[in-house]
C-alpha atoms as a PDB file:
ATOM      1  CA  UNK A   1     -15.465   1.202  18.865  1.00  0.00           C
ATOM      2  CA  UNK A   2     -14.945  -2.511  18.615  1.00  0.00           C
ATOM      3  CA  UNK A   3     -15.348  -4.519  21.775  1.00  0.00           C
ATOM      4  CA  UNK A   4     -12.322  -6.587  20.665  1.00  0.00           C
ATOM      5  CA  UNK A   5      -9.624  -4.085  19.629  1.00  0.00           C
ATOM      6  CA  UNK A   6      -8.402  -2.214  22.772  1.00  0.00           C
ATOM      7  CA  UNK A   7      -8.704   1.582  22.510  1.00  0.00           C
ATOM      8  CA  UNK A   8      -5.023   1.734  23.445  1.00  0.00           C
ATOM      9  CA  UNK A   9      -4.000  -0.178  20.355  1.00  0.00           C
ATOM     10  CA  UNK A  10      -6.375   1.212  17.700  1.00  0.00           C
ATOM     11  CA  UNK A  11      -3.782   3.780  16.780  1.00  0.00           C
ATOM     12  CA  UNK A  12      -1.589   1.105  15.188  1.00  0.00           C
ATOM     13  CA  UNK A  13      -4.138   0.806  12.393  1.00  0.00           C
ATOM     14  CA  UNK A  14      -3.856   4.543  11.673  1.00  0.00           C
ATOM     15  CA  UNK A  15      -0.117   4.592  11.369  1.00  0.00           C
ATOM     16  CA  UNK A  16       1.740   3.251   8.347  1.00  0.00           C
ATOM     17  CA  UNK A  17       2.021  -0.063  10.113  1.00  0.00           C
ATOM     18  CA  UNK A  18       2.384  -3.235   8.051  1.00  0.00           C
ATOM     19  CA  UNK A  19       0.480  -6.257   9.116  1.00  0.00           C
ATOM     20  CA  UNK A  20       1.795  -9.729   8.601  1.00  0.00           C
ATOM     21  CA  UNK A  21      -1.194 -11.760   7.466  1.00  0.00           C
ATOM     22  CA  UNK A  22      -1.112 -15.513   8.105  1.00  0.00           C
ATOM     23  CA  UNK A  23      -3.340 -17.739   6.075  1.00  0.00           C
ATOM     24  CA  UNK A  24      -3.396 -21.565   5.526  1.00  0.00           C
ATOM     25  CA  UNK A  25      -2.182 -23.358   2.449  1.00  0.00           C
ATOM     26  CA  UNK A  26      -4.218 -26.300   1.206  1.00  0.00           C
ATOM     27  CA  UNK A  27      -1.923 -28.731   3.023  1.00  0.00           C
ATOM     28  CA  UNK A  28      -2.322 -26.782   6.305  1.00  0.00           C
ATOM     29  CA  UNK A  29       1.113 -25.010   6.200  1.00  0.00           C
ATOM     30  CA  UNK A  30       1.045 -21.383   7.140  1.00  0.00           C
ATOM     31  CA  UNK A  31       1.627 -18.629   4.544  1.00  0.00           C
ATOM     32  CA  UNK A  32       2.520 -15.140   5.663  1.00  0.00           C
ATOM     33  CA  UNK A  33       2.302 -11.956   3.608  1.00  0.00           C
ATOM     34  CA  UNK A  34       2.898  -8.284   4.602  1.00  0.00           C
ATOM     35  CA  UNK A  35      -0.231  -6.177   3.840  1.00  0.00           C
ATOM     36  CA  UNK A  36      -1.463  -2.643   4.222  1.00  0.00           C
ATOM     37  CA  UNK A  37      -4.288  -2.564   6.776  1.00  0.00           C
ATOM     38  CA  UNK A  38      -6.925  -0.370   8.398  1.00  0.00           C
ATOM     39  CA  UNK A  39      -9.667  -0.780  11.002  1.00  0.00           C
ATOM     40  CA  UNK A  40     -13.153   0.597  10.417  1.00  0.00           C
ATOM     41  CA  UNK A  41     -14.328   0.202  14.086  1.00  0.00           C
ATOM     42  CA  UNK A  42     -15.572  -3.347  13.500  1.00  0.00           C
ATOM     43  CA  UNK A  43     -13.439  -5.055  10.863  1.00  0.00           C
ATOM     44  CA  UNK A  44      -9.760  -5.150   9.991  1.00  0.00           C
ATOM     45  CA  UNK A  45      -9.557  -4.353   6.233  1.00  0.00           C
ATOM     46  CA  UNK A  46      -6.995  -5.288   3.672  1.00  0.00           C
ATOM     47  CA  UNK A  47      -6.868  -5.548  -0.117  1.00  0.00           C
ATOM     48  CA  UNK A  48      -5.232  -7.848  -2.687  1.00  0.00           C
ATOM     49  CA  UNK A  49      -5.589  -8.912  -6.273  1.00  0.00           C
ATOM     50  CA  UNK A  50      -7.976 -11.740  -7.184  1.00  0.00           C
ATOM     51  CA  UNK A  51      -6.138 -15.011  -7.454  1.00  0.00           C
ATOM     52  CA  UNK A  52      -3.079 -14.211  -5.406  1.00  0.00           C
ATOM     53  CA  UNK A  53      -2.143 -16.912  -2.896  1.00  0.00           C
ATOM     54  CA  UNK A  54      -3.718 -15.149   0.126  1.00  0.00           C
ATOM     55  CA  UNK A  55      -6.960 -14.739  -1.822  1.00  0.00           C
ATOM     56  CA  UNK A  56      -7.006 -18.424  -2.793  1.00  0.00           C
ATOM     57  CA  UNK A  57      -6.222 -19.475   0.725  1.00  0.00           C
ATOM     58  CA  UNK A  58      -8.956 -17.313   2.227  1.00  0.00           C
ATOM     59  CA  UNK A  59     -11.596 -18.381  -0.243  1.00  0.00           C
ATOM     60  CA  UNK A  60     -10.901 -21.988   0.853  1.00  0.00           C
ATOM     61  CA  UNK A  61     -10.361 -21.386   4.611  1.00  0.00           C
ATOM     62  CA  UNK A  62     -11.301 -17.970   6.074  1.00  0.00           C
ATOM     63  CA  UNK A  63      -9.239 -18.204   9.270  1.00  0.00           C
ATOM     64  CA  UNK A  64      -6.570 -15.566   9.583  1.00  0.00           C
ATOM     65  CA  UNK A  65      -4.027 -14.194  12.047  1.00  0.00           C
ATOM     66  CA  UNK A  66      -2.448 -10.728  11.754  1.00  0.00           C
ATOM     67  CA  UNK A  67       0.525  -9.321  13.618  1.00  0.00           C
ATOM     68  CA  UNK A  68       1.042  -5.584  13.484  1.00  0.00           C
ATOM     69  CA  UNK A  69       4.026  -3.824  15.074  1.00  0.00           C
ATOM     70  CA  UNK A  70       4.290  -0.152  15.900  1.00  0.00           C
ATOM     71  CA  UNK A  71       6.700   1.360  13.396  1.00  0.00           C
ATOM     72  CA  UNK A  72       7.908   3.753  16.122  1.00  0.00           C
ATOM     73  CA  UNK A  73       8.278   1.096  18.838  1.00  0.00           C
ATOM     74  CA  UNK A  74       8.744  -2.594  17.631  1.00  0.00           C
ATOM     75  CA  UNK A  75       8.082  -3.862  21.191  1.00  0.00           C
ATOM     76  CA  UNK A  76       4.547  -2.494  20.931  1.00  0.00           C
ATOM     77  CA  UNK A  77       2.217  -4.785  18.901  1.00  0.00           C
ATOM     78  CA  UNK A  78      -1.186  -6.282  18.338  1.00  0.00           C
ATOM     79  CA  UNK A  79      -2.049  -9.749  17.196  1.00  0.00           C
ATOM     80  CA  UNK A  80      -5.580 -10.366  15.798  1.00  0.00           C
ATOM     81  CA  UNK A  81      -7.056 -13.689  15.101  1.00  0.00           C
ATOM     82  CA  UNK A  82     -10.328 -13.963  13.281  1.00  0.00           C
ATOM     83  CA  UNK A  83     -12.132 -14.942  10.094  1.00  0.00           C
ATOM     84  CA  UNK A  84     -13.208 -13.484   6.858  1.00  0.00           C
ATOM     85  CA  UNK A  85     -16.582 -11.783   7.353  1.00  0.00           C
ATOM     86  CA  UNK A  86     -16.706 -10.471   3.759  1.00  0.00           C
ATOM     87  CA  UNK A  87     -14.799 -10.692   0.467  1.00  0.00           C
ATOM     88  CA  UNK A  88     -15.965  -8.246  -2.147  1.00  0.00           C
ATOM     89  CA  UNK A  89     -14.687  -6.652  -5.318  1.00  0.00           C
ATOM     90  CA  UNK A  90     -17.132  -3.796  -4.775  1.00  0.00           C
ATOM     91  CA  UNK A  91     -15.223  -0.731  -3.521  1.00  0.00           C
ATOM     92  CA  UNK A  92     -11.915  -2.610  -3.732  1.00  0.00           C
ATOM     93  CA  UNK A  93     -10.388  -0.305  -6.384  1.00  0.00           C
ATOM     94  CA  UNK A  94     -11.225   2.780  -4.372  1.00  0.00           C
ATOM     95  CA  UNK A  95      -9.879   1.113  -1.179  1.00  0.00           C
ATOM     96  CA  UNK A  96      -6.489   0.265  -2.765  1.00  0.00           C
ATOM     97  CA  UNK A  97      -6.228   3.911  -3.938  1.00  0.00           C
ATOM     98  CA  UNK A  98      -7.047   5.046  -0.319  1.00  0.00           C
ATOM     99  CA  UNK A  99      -4.449   2.723   1.062  1.00  0.00           C
ATOM    100  CA  UNK A 100      -1.812   3.846  -1.446  1.00  0.00           C
ATOM    101  CA  UNK A 101      -2.319   7.410  -0.380  1.00  0.00           C
ATOM    102  CA  UNK A 102      -2.006   6.364   3.306  1.00  0.00           C
ATOM    103  CA  UNK A 103       1.139   4.294   2.808  1.00  0.00           C
ATOM    104  CA  UNK A 104       2.848   5.946  -0.207  1.00  0.00           C
ATOM    105  CA  UNK A 105       1.271   9.360  -0.633  1.00  0.00           C
ATOM    106  CA  UNK A 106       0.596   8.564  -4.302  1.00  0.00           C
ATOM    107  CA  UNK A 107      -1.903   6.741  -6.495  1.00  0.00           C
ATOM    108  CA  UNK A 108      -1.505   2.921  -6.423  1.00  0.00           C
ATOM    109  CA  UNK A 109       1.531   2.282  -8.607  1.00  0.00           C
ATOM    110  CA  UNK A 110       1.662  -1.525  -8.651  1.00  0.00           C
ATOM    111  CA  UNK A 111      -1.452  -2.429 -10.697  1.00  0.00           C
ATOM    112  CA  UNK A 112      -0.946  -5.148 -13.303  1.00  0.00           C
ATOM    113  CA  UNK A 113      -2.866  -5.316 -16.625  1.00  0.00           C
ATOM    114  CA  UNK A 114      -6.154  -7.071 -16.187  1.00  0.00           C
ATOM    115  CA  UNK A 115      -5.791  -7.116 -12.385  1.00  0.00           C
ATOM    116  CA  UNK A 116      -9.038  -7.201 -10.303  1.00  0.00           C
ATOM    117  CA  UNK A 117      -8.869  -6.067  -6.687  1.00  0.00           C
ATOM    118  CA  UNK A 118     -10.666  -7.657  -3.821  1.00  0.00           C
ATOM    119  CA  UNK A 119     -11.356  -6.184  -0.302  1.00  0.00           C
ATOM    120  CA  UNK A 120     -11.353  -8.401   2.759  1.00  0.00           C
ATOM    121  CA  UNK A 121     -13.106  -7.617   5.943  1.00  0.00           C
ATOM    122  CA  UNK A 122     -11.760  -9.585   8.933  1.00  0.00           C
ATOM    123  CA  UNK A 123     -13.945 -10.107  12.073  1.00  0.00           C
ATOM    124  CA  UNK A 124     -11.629 -10.108  15.040  1.00  0.00           C
ATOM    125  CA  UNK A 125     -12.236 -13.022  17.434  1.00  0.00           C
ATOM    126  CA  UNK A 126      -9.273 -12.634  19.770  1.00  0.00           C
ATOM    127  CA  UNK A 127      -6.638 -10.024  20.324  1.00  0.00           C
ATOM    128  CA  UNK A 128      -3.448  -9.842  22.275  1.00  0.00           C
ATOM    129  CA  UNK A 129      -0.889  -7.082  22.456  1.00  0.00           C
ATOM    130  CA  UNK A 130       0.964  -4.550  24.446  1.00  0.00           C
END
């Protein structure tokens, strides 16, 4: 188990909780996007298409913040601040299919022609929550 994510909040990653991912635009303004997430015991994982705004932002500046609320109790949440530890296309297609099963119960239905998927692994640096 991660030394950063408290045991009492790890379950938020196993639910159909959406994370709001904050990245930084080139001019320093924040950009926020809802994403599907999971936690592998060390990294917070999410997936996107190559070239989307969050991908471009994170290639340039790997600092992130994520806010995740419990879908059953919106007053229970976790905020994770960290940085990109890895960005890879390897395994990204399988990962988006896994996430679609978790969140939708179906194969991933939103793929666009020519789309390439990328998997991000976020190293948590600080965590707050209740």
